[in-house]
């Protein structure tokens, strides 16, 4: 009886933090999902490349909150002073490159891979760094919560890439332009929300 009661109590404690963490994970994944969908539409990567992209976005979203959790308010304050500038610069640069390629100014514009994939994953996960501060407020164990955030982001990003692959032929020559504009808009959203709205 005692074991059963303790087990039920442990289960209720887990559900108490798991639901808010899953909601947080979906909210944090939105930017990565948008970029993943644009990549799928523009370049129609294979399932293996889609999984690689999703894994990169998921790992970035999982690691960044750990930084916020362990480094605390002081480090987060220092990062928040420049994070929106970093996101604007990285995403703006990547978006501009895609737009140049779509208008034929570059012979080849590669999909996100290697260094550019890392930059995009970090840029879209900047909000997750500050979100690490909220984990104690949710009574969430840091590693379990960050693993959940990483898993949700990876799954949603993979689904978004594959949906983008299907939508790509309908967008035709405009797919790359849409992807480039989307990257720039995400960078602007992060910049405006942090710089002027205090989000």
N, C-alpha and C. Protein backbone atom coordinates (compact mmCIF):
# COMPACT_ATOMS: atom_id res chain seq x y z
N UNK A 1 0.84 -1.20 0.00
CA UNK A 1 0.00 0.00 0.00
C UNK A 1 0.87 1.25 0.00
N UNK A 2 1.92 1.21 0.86
CA UNK A 2 2.81 2.36 0.97
C UNK A 2 3.54 2.60 -0.36
N UNK A 3 4.01 1.50 -0.99
CA UNK A 3 4.70 1.65 -2.27
C UNK A 3 3.76 2.19 -3.34
N UNK A 4 2.51 1.69 -3.32
CA UNK A 4 1.56 2.13 -4.33
C UNK A 4 1.28 3.63 -4.16
N UNK A 5 1.13 4.07 -2.92
CA UNK A 5 0.88 5.48 -2.68
C UNK A 5 2.05 6.35 -3.10
N UNK A 6 3.28 5.89 -2.82
CA UNK A 6 4.46 6.67 -3.21
C UNK A 6 4.59 6.71 -4.73
N UNK A 7 4.27 5.61 -5.41
CA UNK A 7 4.34 5.56 -6.86
C UNK A 7 3.35 6.53 -7.48
N UNK A 8 2.13 6.56 -6.94
CA UNK A 8 1.12 7.48 -7.46
C UNK A 8 1.54 8.92 -7.25
N UNK A 9 2.15 9.17 -6.08
CA UNK A 9 2.59 10.53 -5.78
C UNK A 9 3.71 10.95 -6.72
N UNK A 10 4.66 10.05 -6.99
CA UNK A 10 5.75 10.34 -7.91
C UNK A 10 5.21 10.62 -9.32
N UNK A 11 4.20 9.83 -9.71
CA UNK A 11 3.61 10.03 -11.03
C UNK A 11 2.93 11.37 -11.16
N UNK A 12 2.23 11.77 -10.10
CA UNK A 12 1.54 13.07 -10.14
C UNK A 12 2.55 14.21 -10.16
N UNK A 13 3.69 14.04 -9.44
CA UNK A 13 4.72 15.07 -9.45
C UNK A 13 5.34 15.21 -10.84
N UNK A 14 5.52 14.07 -11.52
CA UNK A 14 6.07 14.13 -12.86
C UNK A 14 5.12 14.84 -13.81
N UNK A 15 3.82 14.48 -13.74
CA UNK A 15 2.86 15.12 -14.64
C UNK A 15 2.72 16.60 -14.34
N UNK A 16 3.00 17.00 -13.11
CA UNK A 16 2.88 18.41 -12.73
C UNK A 16 3.90 19.26 -13.49
N UNK A 17 5.11 18.76 -13.73
CA UNK A 17 6.08 19.55 -14.48
C UNK A 17 6.13 19.17 -15.95
N UNK A 18 5.70 17.95 -16.29
CA UNK A 18 5.85 17.50 -17.66
C UNK A 18 4.96 18.29 -18.63
N UNK A 19 3.72 18.53 -18.24
CA UNK A 19 2.80 19.24 -19.14
C UNK A 19 3.28 20.66 -19.43
N UNK A 20 3.64 21.46 -18.40
CA UNK A 20 4.17 22.79 -18.72
C UNK A 20 5.45 22.76 -19.55
N UNK A 21 6.30 21.77 -19.29
CA UNK A 21 7.55 21.67 -20.06
C UNK A 21 7.25 21.33 -21.52
N UNK A 22 6.27 20.47 -21.77
CA UNK A 22 5.91 20.13 -23.15
C UNK A 22 5.34 21.35 -23.87
N UNK A 23 4.54 22.15 -23.16
CA UNK A 23 4.01 23.38 -23.76
C UNK A 23 5.16 24.33 -24.07
N UNK A 24 6.09 24.46 -23.13
CA UNK A 24 7.27 25.30 -23.35
C UNK A 24 8.07 24.79 -24.55
N UNK A 25 8.22 23.48 -24.65
CA UNK A 25 9.00 22.88 -25.74
C UNK A 25 8.39 23.23 -27.10
N UNK A 26 7.08 23.13 -27.22
CA UNK A 26 6.41 23.45 -28.48
C UNK A 26 6.61 24.92 -28.82
N UNK A 27 6.47 25.79 -27.81
CA UNK A 27 6.64 27.23 -28.04
C UNK A 27 8.06 27.54 -28.50
N UNK A 28 9.05 26.91 -27.87
CA UNK A 28 10.44 27.16 -28.22
C UNK A 28 10.79 26.60 -29.60
N UNK A 29 10.07 25.57 -30.03
CA UNK A 29 10.39 24.89 -31.29
C UNK A 29 9.88 25.62 -32.52
N UNK A 30 9.03 26.63 -32.33
CA UNK A 30 8.33 27.25 -33.46
C UNK A 30 9.30 27.77 -34.52
N UNK A 31 10.33 28.50 -34.11
CA UNK A 31 11.27 29.06 -35.09
C UNK A 31 12.03 27.96 -35.83
N UNK A 32 12.48 26.95 -35.10
CA UNK A 32 13.20 25.85 -35.74
C UNK A 32 12.30 25.12 -36.73
N UNK A 33 11.05 24.93 -36.37
CA UNK A 33 10.10 24.25 -37.24
C UNK A 33 9.88 25.05 -38.53
N UNK A 34 9.79 26.38 -38.40
CA UNK A 34 9.59 27.22 -39.59
C UNK A 34 10.79 27.13 -40.53
N UNK A 35 11.99 27.18 -39.97
CA UNK A 35 13.20 27.06 -40.79
C UNK A 35 13.28 25.68 -41.43
N UNK A 36 12.94 24.65 -40.67
CA UNK A 36 12.99 23.28 -41.20
C UNK A 36 12.02 23.11 -42.37
N UNK A 37 10.83 23.66 -42.24
CA UNK A 37 9.84 23.55 -43.32
C UNK A 37 10.33 24.27 -44.57
N UNK A 38 10.93 25.44 -44.38
CA UNK A 38 11.45 26.18 -45.53
C UNK A 38 12.58 25.42 -46.21
N UNK A 39 13.44 24.79 -45.42
CA UNK A 39 14.53 23.99 -45.99
C UNK A 39 13.99 22.82 -46.79
N UNK A 40 12.96 22.18 -46.25
CA UNK A 40 12.36 21.06 -46.96
C UNK A 40 11.77 21.50 -48.30
N UNK A 41 11.09 22.64 -48.30
CA UNK A 41 10.47 23.14 -49.53
C UNK A 41 11.51 23.57 -50.56
N UNK A 42 12.60 24.17 -50.09
CA UNK A 42 13.61 24.70 -51.01
C UNK A 42 14.48 23.62 -51.62
N UNK A 43 14.93 22.68 -50.79
CA UNK A 43 15.97 21.76 -51.22
C UNK A 43 15.55 20.29 -51.27
N UNK A 44 14.38 19.99 -50.75
CA UNK A 44 13.84 18.62 -50.76
C UNK A 44 14.90 17.58 -50.36
N UNK A 45 15.41 17.68 -49.12
CA UNK A 45 16.45 16.75 -48.66
C UNK A 45 15.91 15.33 -48.48
N UNK A 46 16.81 14.38 -48.46
CA UNK A 46 16.45 12.99 -48.21
C UNK A 46 16.00 12.83 -46.76
N UNK A 47 15.46 11.65 -46.46
CA UNK A 47 15.02 11.38 -45.09
C UNK A 47 16.20 11.44 -44.13
N UNK A 48 17.37 10.95 -44.56
CA UNK A 48 18.56 10.99 -43.72
C UNK A 48 19.00 12.41 -43.43
N UNK A 49 19.03 13.27 -44.47
CA UNK A 49 19.40 14.67 -44.28
C UNK A 49 18.36 15.38 -43.43
N UNK A 50 17.10 15.02 -43.60
CA UNK A 50 16.04 15.62 -42.78
C UNK A 50 16.26 15.29 -41.31
N UNK A 51 16.63 14.03 -41.04
CA UNK A 51 16.87 13.61 -39.66
C UNK A 51 18.09 14.34 -39.08
N UNK A 52 19.12 14.54 -39.90
CA UNK A 52 20.31 15.27 -39.44
C UNK A 52 19.94 16.70 -39.05
N UNK A 53 19.13 17.33 -39.89
CA UNK A 53 18.70 18.70 -39.61
C UNK A 53 17.87 18.76 -38.33
N UNK A 54 16.93 17.83 -38.21
CA UNK A 54 16.06 17.79 -37.03
C UNK A 54 16.87 17.54 -35.77
N UNK A 55 17.87 16.67 -35.86
CA UNK A 55 18.71 16.37 -34.71
C UNK A 55 19.49 17.61 -34.27
N UNK A 56 20.00 18.38 -35.25
CA UNK A 56 20.75 19.59 -34.91
C UNK A 56 19.86 20.60 -34.19
N UNK A 57 18.66 20.81 -34.71
CA UNK A 57 17.74 21.74 -34.07
C UNK A 57 17.35 21.24 -32.67
N UNK A 58 17.11 19.93 -32.56
CA UNK A 58 16.72 19.37 -31.26
C UNK A 58 17.83 19.49 -30.23
N UNK A 59 19.06 19.17 -30.62
CA UNK A 59 20.19 19.26 -29.68
C UNK A 59 20.41 20.70 -29.21
N UNK A 60 20.31 21.64 -30.15
CA UNK A 60 20.50 23.05 -29.77
C UNK A 60 19.43 23.49 -28.78
N UNK A 61 18.19 23.10 -29.05
CA UNK A 61 17.09 23.49 -28.16
C UNK A 61 17.21 22.80 -26.81
N UNK A 62 17.84 21.63 -26.76
CA UNK A 62 18.00 20.93 -25.50
C UNK A 62 19.17 21.43 -24.68
N UNK A 63 20.27 21.83 -25.36
CA UNK A 63 21.47 22.26 -24.65
C UNK A 63 21.34 23.70 -24.14
N UNK A 64 20.73 24.56 -24.92
CA UNK A 64 20.66 25.98 -24.54
C UNK A 64 19.95 26.21 -23.20
N UNK A 65 18.82 25.55 -22.91
CA UNK A 65 18.21 25.77 -21.59
C UNK A 65 19.10 25.31 -20.44
N UNK A 66 19.91 24.28 -20.68
CA UNK A 66 20.84 23.84 -19.64
C UNK A 66 21.82 24.95 -19.29
N UNK A 67 22.25 25.68 -20.31
CA UNK A 67 23.15 26.81 -20.06
C UNK A 67 22.47 27.85 -19.18
N UNK A 68 21.22 28.17 -19.50
CA UNK A 68 20.49 29.13 -18.68
C UNK A 68 20.24 28.63 -17.28
N UNK A 69 19.97 27.34 -17.16
CA UNK A 69 19.67 26.74 -15.85
C UNK A 69 20.90 26.78 -14.94
N UNK A 70 22.05 26.38 -15.47
CA UNK A 70 23.24 26.26 -14.63
C UNK A 70 24.00 27.58 -14.46
N UNK A 71 23.99 28.42 -15.47
CA UNK A 71 24.75 29.66 -15.36
C UNK A 71 23.98 30.74 -14.60
N UNK A 72 22.65 30.64 -14.58
CA UNK A 72 21.87 31.52 -13.74
C UNK A 72 21.59 32.88 -14.32
N UNK A 73 20.97 33.71 -13.48
CA UNK A 73 20.45 35.00 -13.93
C UNK A 73 21.55 35.93 -14.42
N UNK A 74 22.72 35.90 -13.82
CA UNK A 74 23.79 36.81 -14.20
C UNK A 74 24.21 36.58 -15.64
N UNK A 75 24.47 35.30 -15.99
CA UNK A 75 24.89 34.98 -17.36
C UNK A 75 23.77 35.23 -18.34
N UNK A 76 22.54 34.90 -17.95
CA UNK A 76 21.41 35.11 -18.85
C UNK A 76 21.25 36.59 -19.15
N UNK A 77 21.44 37.44 -18.11
CA UNK A 77 21.35 38.88 -18.33
C UNK A 77 22.38 39.36 -19.33
N UNK A 78 23.61 38.82 -19.25
CA UNK A 78 24.66 39.22 -20.18
C UNK A 78 24.34 38.76 -21.60
N UNK A 79 23.81 37.53 -21.73
CA UNK A 79 23.45 37.00 -23.04
C UNK A 79 22.28 37.78 -23.64
N UNK A 80 21.28 38.09 -22.80
CA UNK A 80 20.10 38.79 -23.30
C UNK A 80 20.44 40.16 -23.86
N UNK A 81 21.56 40.74 -23.41
CA UNK A 81 21.95 42.06 -23.91
C UNK A 81 22.35 42.02 -25.38
N UNK A 82 22.78 40.84 -25.86
CA UNK A 82 23.27 40.75 -27.24
C UNK A 82 22.60 39.65 -28.06
N UNK A 83 21.78 38.79 -27.42
CA UNK A 83 21.29 37.62 -28.14
C UNK A 83 20.46 37.98 -29.37
N UNK A 84 19.64 39.03 -29.27
CA UNK A 84 18.79 39.40 -30.40
C UNK A 84 19.62 39.94 -31.57
N UNK A 85 20.75 40.59 -31.26
CA UNK A 85 21.64 41.03 -32.32
C UNK A 85 22.28 39.84 -33.02
N UNK A 86 22.65 38.83 -32.23
CA UNK A 86 23.25 37.62 -32.80
C UNK A 86 22.25 36.91 -33.71
N UNK A 87 21.02 36.74 -33.21
CA UNK A 87 20.00 36.06 -34.01
C UNK A 87 19.71 36.82 -35.29
N UNK A 88 19.59 38.15 -35.20
CA UNK A 88 19.32 38.96 -36.39
C UNK A 88 20.45 38.84 -37.41
N UNK A 89 21.70 38.89 -36.93
CA UNK A 89 22.84 38.81 -37.84
C UNK A 89 22.92 37.45 -38.51
N UNK A 90 22.80 36.37 -37.73
CA UNK A 90 22.94 35.02 -38.29
C UNK A 90 21.80 34.68 -39.25
N UNK A 91 20.57 34.88 -38.80
CA UNK A 91 19.43 34.52 -39.63
C UNK A 91 19.30 35.47 -40.82
N UNK A 92 19.63 36.74 -40.61
CA UNK A 92 19.61 37.69 -41.72
C UNK A 92 20.62 37.31 -42.79
N UNK A 93 21.82 36.93 -42.35
CA UNK A 93 22.85 36.52 -43.31
C UNK A 93 22.43 35.28 -44.10
N UNK A 94 21.92 34.27 -43.39
CA UNK A 94 21.51 33.04 -44.06
C UNK A 94 20.34 33.31 -45.02
N UNK A 95 19.39 34.13 -44.58
CA UNK A 95 18.25 34.46 -45.43
C UNK A 95 18.67 35.24 -46.67
N UNK A 96 19.60 36.18 -46.48
CA UNK A 96 20.10 36.97 -47.61
C UNK A 96 20.80 36.08 -48.62
N UNK A 97 21.56 35.12 -48.14
CA UNK A 97 22.24 34.19 -49.04
C UNK A 97 21.24 33.40 -49.87
N UNK A 98 20.16 32.96 -49.23
CA UNK A 98 19.14 32.22 -49.96
C UNK A 98 18.46 33.10 -51.00
N UNK A 99 18.18 34.35 -50.65
CA UNK A 99 17.55 35.26 -51.60
C UNK A 99 18.46 35.54 -52.79
N UNK A 100 19.73 35.72 -52.54
CA UNK A 100 20.68 35.94 -53.64
C UNK A 100 20.68 34.76 -54.59
N UNK A 101 20.69 33.55 -54.02
CA UNK A 101 20.68 32.36 -54.85
C UNK A 101 19.40 32.24 -55.67
N UNK A 102 18.27 32.65 -55.08
CA UNK A 102 16.99 32.51 -55.79
C UNK A 102 16.89 33.45 -56.98
N UNK A 103 17.65 34.55 -56.94
CA UNK A 103 17.64 35.48 -58.06
C UNK A 103 18.81 35.27 -59.00
N UNK A 104 19.53 34.14 -58.80
CA UNK A 104 20.58 33.76 -59.73
C UNK A 104 21.90 34.47 -59.53
N UNK A 105 22.09 35.16 -58.40
CA UNK A 105 23.34 35.85 -58.17
C UNK A 105 24.43 34.90 -57.69
N UNK A 106 24.04 33.77 -57.16
CA UNK A 106 25.01 32.73 -56.78
C UNK A 106 24.73 31.52 -57.65
N UNK A 107 25.79 30.83 -58.06
CA UNK A 107 25.58 29.65 -58.88
C UNK A 107 24.93 28.54 -58.08
N UNK A 108 25.40 28.35 -56.84
CA UNK A 108 24.88 27.28 -56.00
C UNK A 108 24.65 27.82 -54.60
N UNK A 109 23.47 27.58 -54.07
CA UNK A 109 23.20 27.88 -52.66
C UNK A 109 22.88 26.57 -51.99
N UNK A 110 23.71 26.18 -51.04
CA UNK A 110 23.57 24.88 -50.41
C UNK A 110 22.52 24.93 -49.32
N UNK A 111 21.85 23.82 -49.08
CA UNK A 111 20.96 23.74 -47.92
C UNK A 111 21.78 23.82 -46.64
N UNK A 112 21.10 24.04 -45.53
CA UNK A 112 21.79 24.12 -44.25
C UNK A 112 22.50 22.80 -43.97
N UNK A 113 23.79 22.90 -43.76
CA UNK A 113 24.59 21.74 -43.40
C UNK A 113 25.90 22.22 -42.81
N UNK A 114 26.50 21.38 -41.99
CA UNK A 114 27.77 21.74 -41.40
C UNK A 114 27.67 23.00 -40.56
N UNK A 115 28.54 23.96 -40.88
CA UNK A 115 28.62 25.19 -40.09
C UNK A 115 27.33 26.01 -40.18
N UNK A 116 26.75 26.10 -41.37
CA UNK A 116 25.53 26.91 -41.50
C UNK A 116 24.36 26.28 -40.75
N UNK A 117 24.30 24.97 -40.71
CA UNK A 117 23.26 24.30 -39.94
C UNK A 117 23.45 24.58 -38.45
N UNK A 118 24.69 24.54 -37.99
CA UNK A 118 24.98 24.84 -36.59
C UNK A 118 24.57 26.27 -36.24
N UNK A 119 24.91 27.22 -37.13
CA UNK A 119 24.55 28.61 -36.89
C UNK A 119 23.04 28.80 -36.83
N UNK A 120 22.33 28.16 -37.76
CA UNK A 120 20.87 28.28 -37.77
C UNK A 120 20.26 27.66 -36.52
N UNK A 121 20.78 26.51 -36.10
CA UNK A 121 20.26 25.84 -34.91
C UNK A 121 20.48 26.70 -33.67
N UNK A 122 21.66 27.30 -33.56
CA UNK A 122 21.94 28.16 -32.40
C UNK A 122 21.08 29.42 -32.43
N UNK A 123 20.95 30.02 -33.62
CA UNK A 123 20.18 31.26 -33.73
C UNK A 123 18.71 31.05 -33.38
N UNK A 124 18.15 29.93 -33.81
CA UNK A 124 16.73 29.68 -33.52
C UNK A 124 16.49 29.17 -32.11
N UNK A 125 17.58 28.88 -31.37
CA UNK A 125 17.42 28.37 -30.01
C UNK A 125 17.84 29.39 -28.94
N UNK A 126 18.06 30.63 -29.35
CA UNK A 126 18.52 31.65 -28.40
C UNK A 126 17.50 31.86 -27.29
N UNK A 127 16.22 31.86 -27.63
CA UNK A 127 15.18 32.03 -26.60
C UNK A 127 15.24 30.92 -25.56
N UNK A 128 15.70 29.75 -25.96
CA UNK A 128 15.73 28.61 -25.05
C UNK A 128 16.75 28.82 -23.93
N UNK A 129 17.78 29.63 -24.16
CA UNK A 129 18.77 29.89 -23.12
C UNK A 129 18.11 30.55 -21.91
N UNK A 130 17.35 31.60 -22.17
CA UNK A 130 16.66 32.30 -21.09
C UNK A 130 15.57 31.42 -20.48
N UNK A 131 14.97 30.56 -21.30
CA UNK A 131 13.90 29.69 -20.80
C UNK A 131 14.43 28.71 -19.75
N UNK A 132 15.75 28.47 -19.76
CA UNK A 132 16.33 27.58 -18.75
C UNK A 132 16.12 28.09 -17.34
N UNK A 133 15.98 29.40 -17.19
CA UNK A 133 15.72 29.98 -15.86
C UNK A 133 14.37 29.58 -15.29
N UNK A 134 13.43 29.25 -16.17
CA UNK A 134 12.07 28.93 -15.71
C UNK A 134 11.94 27.50 -15.21
N UNK A 135 12.91 26.66 -15.49
CA UNK A 135 12.78 25.25 -15.13
C UNK A 135 12.62 25.04 -13.62
N UNK A 136 13.39 25.76 -12.77
CA UNK A 136 13.15 25.59 -11.34
C UNK A 136 11.75 26.03 -10.91
N UNK A 137 11.21 27.05 -11.59
CA UNK A 137 9.86 27.52 -11.26
C UNK A 137 8.81 26.46 -11.57
N UNK A 138 9.13 25.59 -12.52
CA UNK A 138 8.21 24.51 -12.90
C UNK A 138 8.45 23.25 -12.08
N UNK A 139 9.41 23.31 -11.15
CA UNK A 139 9.82 22.12 -10.39
C UNK A 139 10.24 21.00 -11.31
N UNK A 140 10.90 21.38 -12.41
CA UNK A 140 11.28 20.39 -13.41
C UNK A 140 12.75 20.02 -13.26
N UNK A 141 13.07 18.72 -13.24
CA UNK A 141 14.49 18.31 -13.25
C UNK A 141 15.13 18.74 -14.56
N UNK A 142 16.28 19.42 -14.45
CA UNK A 142 16.86 20.10 -15.61
C UNK A 142 17.13 19.16 -16.78
N UNK A 143 17.79 18.04 -16.53
CA UNK A 143 18.19 17.17 -17.64
C UNK A 143 16.97 16.51 -18.29
N UNK A 144 16.01 16.09 -17.49
CA UNK A 144 14.81 15.47 -18.06
C UNK A 144 14.01 16.48 -18.87
N UNK A 145 13.90 17.71 -18.35
CA UNK A 145 13.15 18.74 -19.05
C UNK A 145 13.82 19.11 -20.37
N UNK A 146 15.15 19.25 -20.34
CA UNK A 146 15.87 19.61 -21.57
C UNK A 146 15.83 18.47 -22.59
N UNK A 147 15.83 17.23 -22.10
CA UNK A 147 15.69 16.09 -23.02
C UNK A 147 14.32 16.12 -23.69
N UNK A 148 13.29 16.47 -22.92
CA UNK A 148 11.94 16.56 -23.49
C UNK A 148 11.87 17.68 -24.53
N UNK A 149 12.48 18.83 -24.22
CA UNK A 149 12.50 19.95 -25.16
C UNK A 149 13.23 19.57 -26.44
N UNK A 150 14.37 18.88 -26.28
CA UNK A 150 15.13 18.44 -27.45
C UNK A 150 14.33 17.46 -28.30
N UNK A 151 13.67 16.50 -27.64
CA UNK A 151 12.90 15.50 -28.37
C UNK A 151 11.73 16.10 -29.12
N UNK A 152 11.00 17.00 -28.48
CA UNK A 152 9.86 17.65 -29.13
C UNK A 152 10.32 18.45 -30.33
N UNK A 153 11.40 19.22 -30.16
CA UNK A 153 11.91 20.03 -31.27
C UNK A 153 12.37 19.17 -32.43
N UNK A 154 13.08 18.08 -32.13
CA UNK A 154 13.58 17.20 -33.19
C UNK A 154 12.42 16.57 -33.96
N UNK A 155 11.42 16.07 -33.24
CA UNK A 155 10.27 15.44 -33.90
C UNK A 155 9.50 16.42 -34.76
N UNK A 156 9.22 17.60 -34.20
CA UNK A 156 8.46 18.60 -34.96
C UNK A 156 9.27 19.11 -36.16
N UNK A 157 10.57 19.26 -35.98
CA UNK A 157 11.41 19.74 -37.08
C UNK A 157 11.48 18.71 -38.20
N UNK A 158 11.58 17.44 -37.84
CA UNK A 158 11.61 16.40 -38.88
C UNK A 158 10.30 16.39 -39.66
N UNK A 159 9.19 16.46 -38.93
CA UNK A 159 7.89 16.49 -39.61
C UNK A 159 7.78 17.71 -40.52
N UNK A 160 8.32 18.84 -40.06
CA UNK A 160 8.25 20.08 -40.85
C UNK A 160 9.08 19.97 -42.12
N UNK A 161 10.26 19.36 -42.03
CA UNK A 161 11.09 19.18 -43.22
C UNK A 161 10.35 18.33 -44.25
N UNK A 162 9.77 17.23 -43.78
CA UNK A 162 9.10 16.33 -44.72
C UNK A 162 7.85 16.98 -45.34
N UNK A 163 7.14 17.78 -44.54
CA UNK A 163 6.00 18.52 -45.09
C UNK A 163 6.48 19.54 -46.11
N UNK A 164 7.62 20.18 -45.81
CA UNK A 164 8.19 21.13 -46.75
C UNK A 164 8.58 20.47 -48.06
N UNK A 165 9.11 19.26 -47.98
CA UNK A 165 9.47 18.51 -49.18
C UNK A 165 8.25 18.31 -50.07
N UNK A 166 7.12 17.99 -49.45
CA UNK A 166 5.89 17.79 -50.23
C UNK A 166 5.37 19.09 -50.82
N UNK A 167 5.54 20.18 -50.08
CA UNK A 167 5.02 21.47 -50.54
C UNK A 167 5.93 22.11 -51.58
N UNK A 168 7.20 21.70 -51.61
CA UNK A 168 8.18 22.33 -52.48
C UNK A 168 7.79 22.43 -53.94
N UNK A 169 7.36 21.34 -54.57
CA UNK A 169 7.01 21.42 -55.99
C UNK A 169 5.89 22.43 -56.27
N UNK A 170 4.99 22.64 -55.34
CA UNK A 170 3.91 23.61 -55.55
C UNK A 170 4.44 25.04 -55.52
N UNK A 171 5.47 25.25 -54.69
CA UNK A 171 6.03 26.59 -54.60
C UNK A 171 6.97 26.90 -55.76
N UNK A 172 7.54 25.83 -56.34
CA UNK A 172 8.40 25.99 -57.50
C UNK A 172 9.58 26.91 -57.24
N UNK A 173 9.80 27.87 -58.16
CA UNK A 173 10.95 28.76 -58.07
C UNK A 173 10.87 29.70 -56.88
N UNK A 174 9.68 29.83 -56.30
CA UNK A 174 9.52 30.77 -55.19
C UNK A 174 9.92 30.16 -53.84
N UNK A 175 10.15 28.86 -53.80
CA UNK A 175 10.44 28.19 -52.52
C UNK A 175 11.66 28.79 -51.84
N UNK A 176 12.72 29.01 -52.61
CA UNK A 176 13.94 29.54 -52.02
C UNK A 176 13.75 30.97 -51.54
N UNK A 177 12.96 31.76 -52.29
CA UNK A 177 12.69 33.13 -51.86
C UNK A 177 11.87 33.15 -50.58
N UNK A 178 10.87 32.26 -50.52
CA UNK A 178 10.06 32.16 -49.31
C UNK A 178 10.93 31.78 -48.12
N UNK A 179 11.84 30.82 -48.33
CA UNK A 179 12.72 30.39 -47.25
C UNK A 179 13.64 31.51 -46.78
N UNK A 180 14.20 32.27 -47.72
CA UNK A 180 15.08 33.37 -47.37
C UNK A 180 14.35 34.46 -46.60
N UNK A 181 13.16 34.82 -47.08
CA UNK A 181 12.36 35.84 -46.40
C UNK A 181 11.98 35.36 -45.01
N UNK A 182 11.65 34.09 -44.89
CA UNK A 182 11.24 33.53 -43.59
C UNK A 182 12.38 33.61 -42.58
N UNK A 183 13.59 33.28 -42.99
CA UNK A 183 14.74 33.38 -42.10
C UNK A 183 14.93 34.82 -41.61
N UNK A 184 14.83 35.76 -42.52
CA UNK A 184 15.00 37.17 -42.15
C UNK A 184 13.89 37.62 -41.21
N UNK A 185 12.66 37.20 -41.47
CA UNK A 185 11.54 37.58 -40.61
C UNK A 185 11.67 36.99 -39.20
N UNK A 186 12.17 35.77 -39.10
CA UNK A 186 12.38 35.16 -37.78
C UNK A 186 13.44 35.96 -37.01
N UNK A 187 14.52 36.33 -37.71
CA UNK A 187 15.54 37.15 -37.07
C UNK A 187 14.98 38.48 -36.61
N UNK A 188 14.14 39.11 -37.43
CA UNK A 188 13.52 40.38 -37.05
C UNK A 188 12.56 40.21 -35.88
N UNK A 189 11.82 39.10 -35.86
CA UNK A 189 10.88 38.87 -34.76
C UNK A 189 11.63 38.76 -33.43
N UNK A 190 12.72 38.00 -33.43
CA UNK A 190 13.51 37.84 -32.21
C UNK A 190 14.08 39.21 -31.79
N UNK A 191 14.60 39.95 -32.77
CA UNK A 191 15.21 41.24 -32.46
C UNK A 191 14.19 42.22 -31.87
N UNK A 192 13.04 42.34 -32.53
CA UNK A 192 12.03 43.31 -32.08
C UNK A 192 11.46 42.92 -30.72
N UNK A 193 11.17 41.62 -30.53
CA UNK A 193 10.58 41.19 -29.27
C UNK A 193 11.54 41.39 -28.10
N UNK A 194 12.84 41.21 -28.32
CA UNK A 194 13.82 41.37 -27.25
C UNK A 194 14.20 42.84 -27.04
N UNK A 195 14.38 43.55 -28.18
CA UNK A 195 14.90 44.92 -28.07
C UNK A 195 13.83 45.93 -27.64
N UNK A 196 12.60 45.73 -28.13
CA UNK A 196 11.56 46.75 -27.90
C UNK A 196 10.41 46.28 -27.03
N UNK A 197 10.16 44.98 -27.00
CA UNK A 197 9.02 44.48 -26.22
C UNK A 197 9.43 43.81 -24.93
N UNK A 198 10.72 43.62 -24.74
CA UNK A 198 11.20 43.02 -23.51
C UNK A 198 10.81 41.58 -23.33
N UNK A 199 10.52 40.87 -24.43
CA UNK A 199 10.09 39.48 -24.35
C UNK A 199 11.27 38.55 -24.22
